[in-house]
Amino acid sequence: MSIWWSLHLRREAASIPLARRLLVGTMETAGVDPDVSFDLSVALSEACANAVEHGGDRGPGDHSGAYRVTAYLDGEKCRIEVADSGPGFPARRPGCAHTREWQPPVTAESGRGLCLIEQLADHVHFGNRPGHGAVVSFDKVLKWQEGALLRVS
């Protein structure tokens, strides 16, 4: 069995806990290990926060009032995608703290979200949809609780 859902959310901070609760509830019901569920929910929150903060303001005709979250739980893997309608990622996105190429200043209030996603997920892709905004997709191998609904034998 697999579970798939997609949300179309307003670019408002209040939408972030909604997406997170839906993901956590789905994983809890399916029987995903709570530690894996927590990691994915934090990564999702960071991706949504990025879409809310940066996912719009491209000018006239911009439909930037919304972003999309899609999640797939299938057997041994969970894949999450967050897509917005903003300007997209710069051509050369800075590396993250764990690569030592770039670190946000200690006093910075933001700038760590994408790095956190990379640390919490097994595979991450940051991309642009030409003329349509940015996409953050990430996946993680799932661990299951005993008797889990979707557990792979």
Protein backbone atom coordinates (compact mmCIF):
# COMPACT_ATOMS: atom_id res chain seq x y z
CA MET A 1 0.00 0.00 0.00
CA SER A 2 1.12 3.54 -0.61
CA ILE A 3 -0.13 6.96 0.46
CA TRP A 4 0.04 10.08 -1.69
CA TRP A 5 -1.34 13.57 -1.02
CA SER A 6 -0.93 17.08 -2.33
CA LEU A 7 -1.81 20.42 -0.75
CA HIS A 8 -2.21 23.80 -2.39
CA LEU A 9 -1.48 26.31 0.40
CA ARG A 10 -1.45 30.08 0.78
CA ARG A 11 1.94 31.67 1.28
CA GLU A 12 1.20 32.44 4.91
CA ALA A 13 3.09 31.31 8.00
CA ALA A 14 -0.07 29.63 9.35
CA SER A 15 0.08 27.12 6.48
CA ILE A 16 3.35 25.60 7.69
CA PRO A 17 2.01 23.80 10.79
CA LEU A 18 -0.94 22.54 8.73
CA ALA A 19 1.38 20.79 6.25
CA ARG A 20 3.55 19.49 9.08
CA ARG A 21 0.60 18.09 11.05
CA LEU A 22 -0.79 16.34 7.98
CA LEU A 23 2.58 14.71 7.29
CA VAL A 24 3.11 13.66 10.92
CA GLY A 25 -0.45 12.32 11.18
CA THR A 26 -0.04 10.33 7.98
CA MET A 27 3.27 8.84 9.10
CA GLU A 28 1.97 8.12 12.60
CA THR A 29 -1.09 6.32 11.20
CA ALA A 30 1.05 4.36 8.73
CA GLY A 31 3.46 3.30 11.51
CA VAL A 32 6.63 5.17 10.56
CA ASP A 33 9.31 5.30 13.23
CA PRO A 34 8.85 8.53 15.26
CA ASP A 35 12.48 9.65 14.77
CA VAL A 36 12.17 9.43 10.98
CA SER A 37 8.80 11.17 11.16
CA PHE A 38 10.32 13.98 13.21
CA ASP A 39 13.24 14.48 10.80
CA LEU A 40 10.90 14.65 7.80
CA SER A 41 8.51 17.01 9.55
CA VAL A 42 11.32 19.44 10.40
CA ALA A 43 12.64 19.27 6.83
CA LEU A 44 9.11 19.89 5.50
CA SER A 45 8.68 22.87 7.83
CA GLU A 46 11.93 24.39 6.56
CA ALA A 47 10.96 23.86 2.91
CA CYS A 48 7.53 25.41 3.51
CA ALA A 49 9.06 28.35 5.38
CA ASN A 50 11.35 28.95 2.41
CA ALA A 51 8.36 28.93 0.03
CA VAL A 52 6.40 31.30 2.27
CA GLU A 53 9.35 33.69 2.61
CA HIS A 54 10.74 33.64 -0.93
CA GLY A 55 8.11 32.03 -3.16
CA GLY A 56 6.54 34.99 -4.89
CA ASP A 57 6.69 38.64 -5.86
CA ARG A 58 7.62 38.20 -9.51
CA GLY A 59 5.40 40.98 -10.79
CA PRO A 60 2.08 41.42 -12.64
CA GLY A 61 0.09 38.26 -13.23
CA ASP A 62 2.05 36.49 -10.50
CA HIS A 63 0.10 33.70 -8.81
CA SER A 64 2.50 33.76 -5.88
CA GLY A 65 -0.15 33.70 -3.21
CA ALA A 66 0.23 29.93 -3.00
CA TYR A 67 2.66 27.03 -2.96
CA ARG A 68 2.24 23.27 -3.30
CA VAL A 69 3.30 20.43 -1.00
CA THR A 70 3.21 16.85 -2.25
CA ALA A 71 4.15 13.78 -0.19
CA TYR A 72 4.50 10.13 -1.20
CA LEU A 73 4.92 7.32 1.29
CA ASP A 74 5.55 4.11 -0.56
CA GLY A 75 7.08 1.04 1.01
CA GLU A 76 10.59 1.91 2.02
CA LYS A 77 10.74 5.60 1.11
CA CYS A 78 9.04 8.94 1.67
CA ARG A 79 9.44 11.67 -0.96
CA ILE A 80 8.33 15.25 -0.32
CA GLU A 81 8.21 18.10 -2.81
CA VAL A 82 7.54 21.78 -2.10
CA ALA A 83 7.04 24.00 -5.15
CA ASP A 84 6.46 27.75 -5.24
CA SER A 85 5.95 30.40 -7.91
CA GLY A 86 8.77 32.71 -6.91
CA PRO A 87 11.93 33.74 -8.74
CA GLY A 88 13.64 30.41 -8.06
CA PHE A 89 17.04 29.68 -6.61
CA PRO A 90 20.03 31.73 -7.74
CA ALA A 91 22.19 30.11 -10.41
CA ARG A 92 24.82 29.41 -7.81
CA ARG A 93 23.30 28.57 -4.46
CA PRO A 94 25.76 28.78 -1.57
CA GLY A 95 26.98 25.51 -0.08
CA CYS A 96 25.84 24.57 3.37
CA ALA A 97 27.52 24.66 6.73
CA HIS A 98 28.44 20.96 6.69
CA THR A 99 30.42 21.45 3.46
CA ARG A 100 32.33 24.34 5.03
CA GLU A 101 31.93 26.37 1.83
CA TRP A 102 29.51 28.83 3.39
CA GLN A 103 28.07 29.50 6.81
CA PRO A 104 25.50 32.09 7.81
CA PRO A 105 26.74 34.56 10.43
CA VAL A 106 26.20 33.33 14.00
CA THR A 107 23.80 36.24 14.60
CA ALA A 108 21.74 35.59 11.43
CA GLU A 109 18.06 34.91 11.99
CA SER A 110 17.74 32.90 8.79
CA GLY A 111 19.80 31.11 6.17
CA ARG A 112 20.05 27.65 7.69
CA GLY A 113 16.84 26.02 6.43
CA LEU A 114 18.13 24.52 3.18
CA CYS A 115 21.21 23.20 4.96
CA LEU A 116 19.03 21.63 7.63
CA ILE A 117 16.96 19.88 4.96
CA GLU A 118 20.17 18.45 3.48
CA GLN A 119 21.21 17.13 6.89
CA LEU A 120 17.85 15.55 7.73
CA ALA A 121 17.04 13.87 4.40
CA ASP A 122 18.85 11.13 2.50
CA HIS A 123 18.62 12.80 -0.90
CA VAL A 124 17.79 16.45 -1.68
CA HIS A 125 17.28 18.31 -4.93
CA PHE A 126 16.95 22.10 -5.21
CA GLY A 127 15.72 23.11 -8.64
CA ASN A 128 13.94 25.73 -10.66
CA ARG A 129 10.94 25.37 -12.91
CA PRO A 130 11.70 27.88 -15.68
CA GLY A 131 9.30 30.79 -15.31
CA HIS A 132 7.42 29.00 -12.55
CA GLY A 133 9.47 29.13 -9.35
CA ALA A 134 11.57 26.89 -7.15
CA VAL A 135 11.17 23.23 -6.19
CA VAL A 136 12.68 21.55 -3.16
CA SER A 137 12.35 17.77 -3.19
CA PHE A 138 13.79 15.38 -0.67
CA ASP A 139 13.41 11.79 0.36
CA LYS A 140 14.30 9.54 3.22
CA VAL A 141 14.37 5.80 3.70
CA LEU A 142 11.66 4.87 6.17
CA LYS A 143 11.96 2.80 9.31
CA TRP A 144 8.79 1.15 10.54
CA GLN A 145 7.28 0.33 13.89
CA GLU A 146 6.24 -3.27 14.50
CA GLY A 147 2.88 -4.00 12.85
CA ALA A 148 3.00 -0.87 10.68
CA LEU A 149 0.32 -0.38 8.04
CA LEU A 150 2.70 0.16 5.08
CA ARG A 151 5.67 -1.87 6.27
CA VAL A 152 7.56 -3.68 3.53
CA SER A 153 8.03 -7.37 4.35
